[in-house]
PDB file of N, CA and C in Angstrom:
ATOM      1  N   ALA A   1     -16.379 -26.789  28.108  1.00  0.00           N
ATOM      2  CA  ALA A   1     -14.928 -26.637  27.638  1.00  0.00           C
ATOM      3  C   ALA A   1     -16.092 -25.994  26.521  1.00  0.00           C
ATOM      4  N   THR A   2     -15.271 -24.585  25.954  1.00  0.00           N
ATOM      5  CA  THR A   2     -15.467 -23.223  24.998  1.00  0.00           C
ATOM      6  C   THR A   2     -13.878 -23.162  23.636  1.00  0.00           C
ATOM      7  N   VAL A   3     -14.809 -24.069  22.667  1.00  0.00           N
ATOM      8  CA  VAL A   3     -13.602 -23.708  21.885  1.00  0.00           C
ATOM      9  C   VAL A   3     -13.516 -22.905  21.094  1.00  0.00           C
ATOM     10  N   ALA A   4     -12.122 -22.413  21.336  1.00  0.00           N
ATOM     11  CA  ALA A   4     -12.452 -20.853  20.878  1.00  0.00           C
ATOM     12  C   ALA A   4     -11.225 -21.010  19.883  1.00  0.00           C
ATOM     13  N   PRO A   5     -11.019 -21.103  18.005  1.00  0.00           N
ATOM     14  CA  PRO A   5     -10.415 -21.062  16.820  1.00  0.00           C
ATOM     15  C   PRO A   5      -9.872 -19.961  16.990  1.00  0.00           C
ATOM     16  N   ILE A   6      -9.221 -20.311  16.511  1.00  0.00           N
ATOM     17  CA  ILE A   6      -7.781 -19.690  16.072  1.00  0.00           C
ATOM     18  C   ILE A   6      -6.882 -19.689  14.826  1.00  0.00           C
ATOM     19  N   ILE A   7      -7.261 -18.449  13.851  1.00  0.00           N
ATOM     20  CA  ILE A   7      -6.014 -17.886  12.463  1.00  0.00           C
ATOM     21  C   ILE A   7      -5.554 -17.658  12.418  1.00  0.00           C
ATOM     22  N   LEU A   8      -4.208 -18.148  11.964  1.00  0.00           N
ATOM     23  CA  LEU A   8      -2.419 -16.955  12.289  1.00  0.00           C
ATOM     24  C   LEU A   8      -3.090 -16.947  10.670  1.00  0.00           C
ATOM     25  N   THR A   9      -2.566 -15.919  10.585  1.00  0.00           N
ATOM     26  CA  THR A   9      -1.749 -14.998   9.265  1.00  0.00           C
ATOM     27  C   THR A   9      -0.136 -14.434   9.234  1.00  0.00           C
ATOM     28  N   SER A  10       0.051 -14.070   8.099  1.00  0.00           N
ATOM     29  CA  SER A  10       1.316 -13.735   8.333  1.00  0.00           C
ATOM     30  C   SER A  10       1.932 -13.302   7.022  1.00  0.00           C
ATOM     31  N   ASP A  11       2.824 -12.152   7.074  1.00  0.00           N
ATOM     32  CA  ASP A  11       3.065 -11.675   5.679  1.00  0.00           C
ATOM     33  C   ASP A  11       4.369 -10.671   5.634  1.00  0.00           C
ATOM     34  N   LYS A  12       5.930 -10.566   5.085  1.00  0.00           N
ATOM     35  CA  LYS A  12       6.743 -10.723   5.435  1.00  0.00           C
ATOM     36  C   LYS A  12       6.349  -8.437   4.357  1.00  0.00           C
ATOM     37  N   THR A  13       6.631  -8.431   5.042  1.00  0.00           N
ATOM     38  CA  THR A  13       6.303  -6.354   5.076  1.00  0.00           C
ATOM     39  C   THR A  13       7.761  -5.676   4.933  1.00  0.00           C
ATOM     40  N   HIS A  14       7.884  -5.113   4.042  1.00  0.00           N
ATOM     41  CA  HIS A  14       8.616  -3.707   3.839  1.00  0.00           C
ATOM     42  C   HIS A  14       8.586  -2.497   5.172  1.00  0.00           C
ATOM     43  N   LEU A  15       9.406  -1.982   5.873  1.00  0.00           N
ATOM     44  CA  LEU A  15       9.884  -1.064   6.502  1.00  0.00           C
ATOM     45  C   LEU A  15       9.857  -0.101   5.990  1.00  0.00           C
ATOM     46  N   THR A  16       9.496   0.266   5.471  1.00  0.00           N
ATOM     47  CA  THR A  16       9.545   1.821   4.475  1.00  0.00           C
ATOM     48  C   THR A  16      10.572   3.106   5.191  1.00  0.00           C
ATOM     49  N   VAL A  17       9.678   3.047   6.597  1.00  0.00           N
ATOM     50  CA  VAL A  17       9.672   4.081   7.446  1.00  0.00           C
ATOM     51  C   VAL A  17      11.128   4.185   7.677  1.00  0.00           C
ATOM     52  N   LEU A  18      11.335   3.407   8.046  1.00  0.00           N
ATOM     53  CA  LEU A  18      12.993   3.297   9.323  1.00  0.00           C
ATOM     54  C   LEU A  18      13.669   3.625   7.892  1.00  0.00           C
ATOM     55  N   ARG A  19      13.937   2.076   7.010  1.00  0.00           N
ATOM     56  CA  ARG A  19      15.034   1.694   5.444  1.00  0.00           C
ATOM     57  C   ARG A  19      14.751   1.506   4.731  1.00  0.00           C
ATOM     58  N   GLY A  20      14.397   1.877   4.179  1.00  0.00           N
ATOM     59  CA  GLY A  20      14.019   0.898   2.560  1.00  0.00           C
ATOM     60  C   GLY A  20      14.355  -0.207   2.091  1.00  0.00           C
ATOM     61  N   ASP A  21      15.753  -0.761   3.527  1.00  0.00           N
ATOM     62  CA  ASP A  21      15.728  -2.340   3.191  1.00  0.00           C
ATOM     63  C   ASP A  21      15.285  -3.159   3.865  1.00  0.00           C
ATOM     64  N   LYS A  22      15.172  -2.812   4.778  1.00  0.00           N
ATOM     65  CA  LYS A  22      14.969  -3.297   6.145  1.00  0.00           C
ATOM     66  C   LYS A  22      12.926  -4.581   6.256  1.00  0.00           C
ATOM     67  N   THR A  23      13.257  -5.115   6.180  1.00  0.00           N
ATOM     68  CA  THR A  23      11.810  -5.762   6.484  1.00  0.00           C
ATOM     69  C   THR A  23      11.299  -6.849   7.749  1.00  0.00           C
ATOM     70  N   ALA A  24       9.881  -7.137   7.905  1.00  0.00           N
ATOM     71  CA  ALA A  24       9.411  -7.964   8.912  1.00  0.00           C
ATOM     72  C   ALA A  24       8.928  -8.241   8.663  1.00  0.00           C
ATOM     73  N   TRP A  25       7.990  -9.482   9.704  1.00  0.00           N
ATOM     74  CA  TRP A  25       7.304 -10.403   9.304  1.00  0.00           C
ATOM     75  C   TRP A  25       6.901 -10.757  10.428  1.00  0.00           C
ATOM     76  N   PRO A  26       5.274 -10.049  10.625  1.00  0.00           N
ATOM     77  CA  PRO A  26       4.307  -9.764  11.232  1.00  0.00           C
ATOM     78  C   PRO A  26       3.482 -11.147  11.805  1.00  0.00           C
ATOM     79  N   VAL A  27       3.227 -11.495  12.908  1.00  0.00           N
ATOM     80  CA  VAL A  27       2.900 -13.124  12.226  1.00  0.00           C
ATOM     81  C   VAL A  27       0.872 -12.838  13.748  1.00  0.00           C
ATOM     82  N   PHE A  28      -0.045 -12.417  13.241  1.00  0.00           N
ATOM     83  CA  PHE A  28      -1.337 -12.220  13.623  1.00  0.00           C
ATOM     84  C   PHE A  28      -2.246 -13.292  14.123  1.00  0.00           C
ATOM     85  N   THR A  29      -3.054 -12.846  15.154  1.00  0.00           N
ATOM     86  CA  THR A  29      -3.920 -13.919  14.980  1.00  0.00           C
ATOM     87  C   THR A  29      -5.303 -13.308  15.584  1.00  0.00           C
ATOM     88  N   ILE A  30      -6.597 -14.260  14.718  1.00  0.00           N
ATOM     89  CA  ILE A  30      -7.591 -13.785  14.986  1.00  0.00           C
ATOM     90  C   ILE A  30      -8.502 -15.758  15.080  1.00  0.00           C
ATOM     91  N   GLY A  31     -10.161 -15.230  14.573  1.00  0.00           N
ATOM     92  CA  GLY A  31     -10.512 -15.998  14.612  1.00  0.00           C
ATOM     93  C   GLY A  31     -12.182 -15.616  15.247  1.00  0.00           C
ATOM     94  N   ASN A  32     -12.246 -15.678  16.336  1.00  0.00           N
ATOM     95  CA  ASN A  32     -14.139 -16.084  15.754  1.00  0.00           C
ATOM     96  C   ASN A  32     -15.489 -13.907  15.563  1.00  0.00           C
ATOM     97  N   ILE A  33     -14.198 -13.986  14.942  1.00  0.00           N
ATOM     98  CA  ILE A  33     -14.595 -12.566  14.052  1.00  0.00           C
ATOM     99  C   ILE A  33     -14.583 -13.074  12.841  1.00  0.00           C
ATOM    100  N   ASN A  34     -16.529 -12.588  12.597  1.00  0.00           N
ATOM    101  CA  ASN A  34     -17.022 -12.213  10.925  1.00  0.00           C
ATOM    102  C   ASN A  34     -15.454 -11.695  10.409  1.00  0.00           C
ATOM    103  N   LYS A  35     -16.095 -12.431   8.799  1.00  0.00           N
ATOM    104  CA  LYS A  35     -15.365 -12.765   7.993  1.00  0.00           C
ATOM    105  C   LYS A  35     -15.289 -11.612   7.130  1.00  0.00           C
ATOM    106  N   SER A  36     -16.604 -10.316   6.835  1.00  0.00           N
ATOM    107  CA  SER A  36     -16.591  -9.609   6.412  1.00  0.00           C
ATOM    108  C   SER A  36     -15.884  -8.765   7.038  1.00  0.00           C
ATOM    109  N   ILE A  37     -15.708  -8.238   8.272  1.00  0.00           N
ATOM    110  CA  ILE A  37     -14.730  -7.471   9.329  1.00  0.00           C
ATOM    111  C   ILE A  37     -13.358  -7.982   9.487  1.00  0.00           C
ATOM    112  N   ARG A  38     -13.300  -8.573   8.804  1.00  0.00           N
ATOM    113  CA  ARG A  38     -11.452 -10.340   9.837  1.00  0.00           C
ATOM    114  C   ARG A  38     -10.851 -10.095   8.453  1.00  0.00           C
ATOM    115  N   ARG A  39     -10.859  -9.014   6.588  1.00  0.00           N
ATOM    116  CA  ARG A  39     -10.702  -9.337   5.483  1.00  0.00           C
ATOM    117  C   ARG A  39     -10.260  -7.931   5.092  1.00  0.00           C
ATOM    118  N   LYS A  40     -11.366  -6.927   6.583  1.00  0.00           N
ATOM    119  CA  LYS A  40     -10.528  -5.267   6.022  1.00  0.00           C
ATOM    120  C   LYS A  40      -9.305  -4.803   6.731  1.00  0.00           C
ATOM    121  N   PRO A  41      -8.242  -4.507   6.290  1.00  0.00           N
ATOM    122  CA  PRO A  41      -6.708  -4.414   7.521  1.00  0.00           C
ATOM    123  C   PRO A  41      -7.415  -3.161   8.383  1.00  0.00           C
ATOM    124  N   THR A  42      -8.123  -2.251   7.939  1.00  0.00           N
ATOM    125  CA  THR A  42      -8.708  -0.830   8.983  1.00  0.00           C
ATOM    126  C   THR A  42     -10.107  -1.440   9.539  1.00  0.00           C
ATOM    127  N   ALA A  43     -10.435  -2.254   9.611  1.00  0.00           N
ATOM    128  CA  ALA A  43     -10.696  -2.679  10.681  1.00  0.00           C
ATOM    129  C   ALA A  43     -10.217  -2.885  12.526  1.00  0.00           C
ATOM    130  N   HIS A  44      -8.412  -3.232  11.864  1.00  0.00           N
ATOM    131  CA  HIS A  44      -7.656  -3.441  13.545  1.00  0.00           C
ATOM    132  C   HIS A  44      -8.059  -5.223  13.871  1.00  0.00           C
ATOM    133  N   ALA A  45      -8.665  -5.630  13.414  1.00  0.00           N
ATOM    134  CA  ALA A  45      -9.802  -6.932  13.993  1.00  0.00           C
ATOM    135  C   ALA A  45      -7.910  -8.015  14.272  1.00  0.00           C
ATOM    136  N   THR A  46      -7.245  -7.802  14.204  1.00  0.00           N
ATOM    137  CA  THR A  46      -6.500  -8.873  14.266  1.00  0.00           C
ATOM    138  C   THR A  46      -5.483  -8.459  15.808  1.00  0.00           C
ATOM    139  N   ILE A  47      -5.230  -9.810  16.318  1.00  0.00           N
ATOM    140  CA  ILE A  47      -4.246  -9.539  17.238  1.00  0.00           C
ATOM    141  C   ILE A  47      -2.968  -9.676  16.718  1.00  0.00           C
ATOM    142  N   LEU A  48      -1.570  -9.258  17.338  1.00  0.00           N
ATOM    143  CA  LEU A  48      -0.390  -9.205  17.367  1.00  0.00           C
ATOM    144  C   LEU A  48       0.537  -9.597  17.921  1.00  0.00           C
ATOM    145  N   LEU A  49       0.349 -10.996  17.696  1.00  0.00           N
ATOM    146  CA  LEU A  49       1.254 -12.491  17.863  1.00  0.00           C
ATOM    147  C   LEU A  49       3.020 -12.212  18.066  1.00  0.00           C
ATOM    148  N   GLY A  50       3.606 -11.725  17.009  1.00  0.00           N
ATOM    149  CA  GLY A  50       5.578 -11.327  17.205  1.00  0.00           C
ATOM    150  C   GLY A  50       5.503 -11.478  15.798  1.00  0.00           C
ATOM    151  N   TYR A  51       6.988 -11.291  15.604  1.00  0.00           N
ATOM    152  CA  TYR A  51       7.627 -11.185  14.870  1.00  0.00           C
ATOM    153  C   TYR A  51       8.563 -12.492  13.685  1.00  0.00           C
ATOM    154  N   ILE A  52       8.367 -12.494  13.356  1.00  0.00           N
ATOM    155  CA  ILE A  52       9.679 -13.834  12.359  1.00  0.00           C
ATOM    156  C   ILE A  52      10.458 -13.095  12.382  1.00  0.00           C
ATOM    157  N   PRO A  53      11.102 -13.013  12.228  1.00  0.00           N
ATOM    158  CA  PRO A  53      13.146 -12.888  12.122  1.00  0.00           C
ATOM    159  C   PRO A  53      13.046 -12.873  10.511  1.00  0.00           C
ATOM    160  N   VAL A  54      13.515 -11.758   9.600  1.00  0.00           N
ATOM    161  CA  VAL A  54      13.498 -12.079   8.967  1.00  0.00           C
ATOM    162  C   VAL A  54      15.349 -11.700   8.306  1.00  0.00           C
ATOM    163  N   ALA A  55      15.683 -12.886   8.276  1.00  0.00           N
ATOM    164  CA  ALA A  55      17.286 -13.156   8.175  1.00  0.00           C
ATOM    165  C   ALA A  55      17.440 -13.829   7.175  1.00  0.00           C
ATOM    166  N   LYS A  56      18.910 -13.253   6.689  1.00  0.00           N
ATOM    167  CA  LYS A  56      19.707 -13.481   5.959  1.00  0.00           C
ATOM    168  C   LYS A  56      20.981 -14.385   5.082  1.00  0.00           C
ATOM    169  N   LEU A  57      20.826 -15.222   6.647  1.00  0.00           N
ATOM    170  CA  LEU A  57      21.182 -16.473   6.716  1.00  0.00           C
ATOM    171  C   LEU A  57      22.621 -17.063   5.815  1.00  0.00           C
ATOM    172  N   LYS A  58      23.534 -15.912   5.762  1.00  0.00           N
ATOM    173  CA  LYS A  58      24.040 -15.203   4.672  1.00  0.00           C
ATOM    174  C   LYS A  58      25.984 -16.584   4.893  1.00  0.00           C
ATOM    175  N   CYS A  59      25.055 -17.135   6.456  1.00  0.00           N
ATOM    176  CA  CYS A  59      26.641 -17.689   7.031  1.00  0.00           C
ATOM    177  C   CYS A  59      26.673 -19.223   7.037  1.00  0.00           C
ATOM    178  N   PHE A  60      25.423 -19.637   5.983  1.00  0.00           N
ATOM    179  CA  PHE A  60      25.033 -20.909   5.307  1.00  0.00           C
ATOM    180  C   PHE A  60      25.313 -20.898   3.982  1.00  0.00           C
ATOM    181  N   SER A  61      24.827 -22.494   3.128  1.00  0.00           N
ATOM    182  CA  SER A  61      25.323 -22.406   1.627  1.00  0.00           C
ATOM    183  C   SER A  61      24.438 -22.228   1.221  1.00  0.00           C
ATOM    184  N   SER A  62      24.109 -21.985  -0.449  1.00  0.00           N
ATOM    185  CA  SER A  62      22.923 -21.717  -0.602  1.00  0.00           C
ATOM    186  C   SER A  62      22.048 -23.266  -0.801  1.00  0.00           C
ATOM    187  N   GLY A  63      23.382 -24.036  -0.757  1.00  0.00           N
ATOM    188  CA  GLY A  63      21.670 -25.218  -0.147  1.00  0.00           C
ATOM    189  C   GLY A  63      21.080 -25.106   1.146  1.00  0.00           C
ATOM    190  N   GLN A  64      22.545 -25.101   2.236  1.00  0.00           N
ATOM    191  CA  GLN A  64      21.557 -25.087   2.947  1.00  0.00           C
ATOM    192  C   GLN A  64      20.689 -24.105   3.738  1.00  0.00           C
ATOM    193  N   ARG A  65      20.359 -22.941   2.941  1.00  0.00           N
ATOM    194  CA  ARG A  65      19.932 -21.551   3.647  1.00  0.00           C
ATOM    195  C   ARG A  65      18.640 -21.989   3.542  1.00  0.00           C
ATOM    196  N   SER A  66      17.679 -22.265   2.579  1.00  0.00           N
ATOM    197  CA  SER A  66      16.785 -22.566   2.610  1.00  0.00           C
ATOM    198  C   SER A  66      16.145 -23.988   4.175  1.00  0.00           C
ATOM    199  N   GLU A  67      16.670 -24.566   4.035  1.00  0.00           N
ATOM    200  CA  GLU A  67      16.641 -25.203   5.738  1.00  0.00           C
ATOM    201  C   GLU A  67      16.861 -24.431   7.121  1.00  0.00           C
ATOM    202  N   ALA A  68      17.307 -23.972   6.323  1.00  0.00           N
ATOM    203  CA  ALA A  68      17.778 -23.210   7.521  1.00  0.00           C
ATOM    204  C   ALA A  68      16.833 -22.442   8.162  1.00  0.00           C
ATOM    205  N   GLY A  69      16.413 -21.677   6.713  1.00  0.00           N
ATOM    206  CA  GLY A  69      15.195 -20.377   7.601  1.00  0.00           C
ATOM    207  C   GLY A  69      13.407 -21.783   7.653  1.00  0.00           C
ATOM    208  N   TYR A  70      12.878 -22.585   7.160  1.00  0.00           N
ATOM    209  CA  TYR A  70      12.345 -23.205   7.511  1.00  0.00           C
ATOM    210  C   TYR A  70      12.610 -23.614   8.962  1.00  0.00           C
ATOM    211  N   ARG A  71      13.502 -23.725   9.294  1.00  0.00           N
ATOM    212  CA  ARG A  71      13.175 -24.583  10.729  1.00  0.00           C
ATOM    213  C   ARG A  71      12.811 -23.620  11.191  1.00  0.00           C
ATOM    214  N   LEU A  72      13.673 -22.176  10.907  1.00  0.00           N
ATOM    215  CA  LEU A  72      14.212 -21.060  12.146  1.00  0.00           C
ATOM    216  C   LEU A  72      12.425 -20.374  11.753  1.00  0.00           C
ATOM    217  N   PHE A  73      11.518 -20.260  10.877  1.00  0.00           N
ATOM    218  CA  PHE A  73      10.355 -20.605  10.671  1.00  0.00           C
ATOM    219  C   PHE A  73       9.904 -20.946  11.727  1.00  0.00           C
ATOM    220  N   HIS A  74       9.462 -22.633  11.582  1.00  0.00           N
ATOM    221  CA  HIS A  74       8.770 -23.414  12.540  1.00  0.00           C
ATOM    222  C   HIS A  74       9.364 -23.666  14.234  1.00  0.00           C
ATOM    223  N   SER A  75      10.325 -23.004  14.433  1.00  0.00           N
ATOM    224  CA  SER A  75      11.115 -22.513  15.732  1.00  0.00           C
ATOM    225  C   SER A  75      10.041 -21.396  16.573  1.00  0.00           C
ATOM    226  N   CYS A  76      10.291 -20.454  15.426  1.00  0.00           N
ATOM    227  CA  CYS A  76       9.672 -18.978  16.190  1.00  0.00           C
ATOM    228  C   CYS A  76       8.136 -19.030  15.936  1.00  0.00           C
ATOM    229  N   MET A  77       7.671 -20.179  15.481  1.00  0.00           N
ATOM    230  CA  MET A  77       6.204 -20.464  15.683  1.00  0.00           C
ATOM    231  C   MET A  77       6.058 -21.425  16.531  1.00  0.00           C
ATOM    232  N   ALA A  78       7.330 -22.219  16.680  1.00  0.00           N
ATOM    233  CA  ALA A  78       6.187 -23.176  18.394  1.00  0.00           C
ATOM    234  C   ALA A  78       7.049 -21.492  19.710  1.00  0.00           C
ATOM    235  N   LYS A  79       7.478 -21.900  19.423  1.00  0.00           N
ATOM    236  CA  LYS A  79       7.936 -20.962  20.633  1.00  0.00           C
ATOM    237  C   LYS A  79       6.038 -19.769  20.396  1.00  0.00           C
ATOM    238  N   MET A  80       5.622 -18.486  19.688  1.00  0.00           N
ATOM    239  CA  MET A  80       4.980 -18.200  19.505  1.00  0.00           C
ATOM    240  C   MET A  80       3.624 -18.382  20.019  1.00  0.00           C
ATOM    241  N   LEU A  81       3.934 -19.891  19.276  1.00  0.00           N
ATOM    242  CA  LEU A  81       1.966 -20.699  20.031  1.00  0.00           C
ATOM    243  C   LEU A  81       2.027 -21.391  21.246  1.00  0.00           C
ATOM    244  N   GLN A  82       3.675 -21.311  21.869  1.00  0.00           N
ATOM    245  CA  GLN A  82       3.473 -22.027  23.091  1.00  0.00           C
ATOM    246  C   GLN A  82       3.205 -21.913  24.284  1.00  0.00           C
ATOM    247  N   PRO A  83       2.235 -20.381  24.685  1.00  0.00           N
ATOM    248  CA  PRO A  83       1.036 -20.491  25.474  1.00  0.00           C
ATOM    249  C   PRO A  83       0.035 -21.176  25.054  1.00  0.00           C
ATOM    250  N   LEU A  84      -0.564 -20.994  24.048  1.00  0.00           N
ATOM    251  CA  LEU A  84      -1.358 -21.786  23.632  1.00  0.00           C
ATOM    252  C   LEU A  84      -1.525 -23.025  23.883  1.00  0.00           C
ATOM    253  N   ILE A  85      -1.260 -24.081  23.276  1.00  0.00           N
ATOM    254  CA  ILE A  85      -0.930 -24.952  23.430  1.00  0.00           C
ATOM    255  C   ILE A  85      -0.780 -25.573  25.020  1.00  0.00           C
ATOM    256  N   GLU A  86      -0.887 -24.792  25.446  1.00  0.00           N
ATOM    257  CA  GLU A  86       0.395 -24.961  27.142  1.00  0.00           C
ATOM    258  C   GLU A  86      -1.309 -25.116  27.738  1.00  0.00           C
ATOM    259  N   ALA A  87      -2.071 -23.987  27.463  1.00  0.00           N
ATOM    260  CA  ALA A  87      -3.304 -23.581  27.446  1.00  0.00           C
ATOM    261  C   ALA A  87      -4.565 -24.596  26.973  1.00  0.00           C
ATOM    262  N   GLY A  88      -4.678 -24.590  25.503  1.00  0.00           N
ATOM    263  CA  GLY A  88      -5.274 -26.536  25.153  1.00  0.00           C
ATOM    264  C   GLY A  88      -5.120 -26.845  26.060  1.00  0.00           C
ATOM    265  N   GLN A  89      -3.639 -27.408  26.755  1.00  0.00           N
ATOM    266  CA  GLN A  89      -3.903 -29.047  26.997  1.00  0.00           C
ATOM    267  C   GLN A  89      -4.941 -29.281  28.830  1.00  0.00           C
ATOM    268  N   THR A  90      -3.526 -27.621  29.894  1.00  0.00           N
ATOM    269  CA  THR A  90      -4.196 -27.713  31.070  1.00  0.00           C
ATOM    270  C   THR A  90      -5.359 -27.044  31.320  1.00  0.00           C
ATOM    271  N   GLY A  91      -5.831 -25.935  30.414  1.00  0.00           N
ATOM    272  CA  GLY A  91      -7.268 -25.096  31.061  1.00  0.00           C
ATOM    273  C   GLY A  91      -6.595 -24.072  30.653  1.00  0.00           C
ATOM    274  N   VAL A  92      -7.398 -22.513  30.979  1.00  0.00           N
ATOM    275  CA  VAL A  92      -6.530 -21.378  31.542  1.00  0.00           C
ATOM    276  C   VAL A  92      -7.571 -21.648  32.775  1.00  0.00           C
TER     277      VAL A  92
END
């Protein structure tokens, strides 16, 4: 068996090229890359795994909005990680 480390990173970013009010939340995966290289954005040492929607969730009350945002985040992460989970359970 081979161990393959997975490190996930995400950070909400503004898409000012398109429009100033648009944002995206990319999720990148890295793992077996030396940290001195991994920390340099110019090294392009990450793989884009997907995007988490940045929703305003105005259809929810202010009290429900936080929980809806948490649920959305975790649902998206589960969907993105499903192939990795399956590979870990059944092998490649």
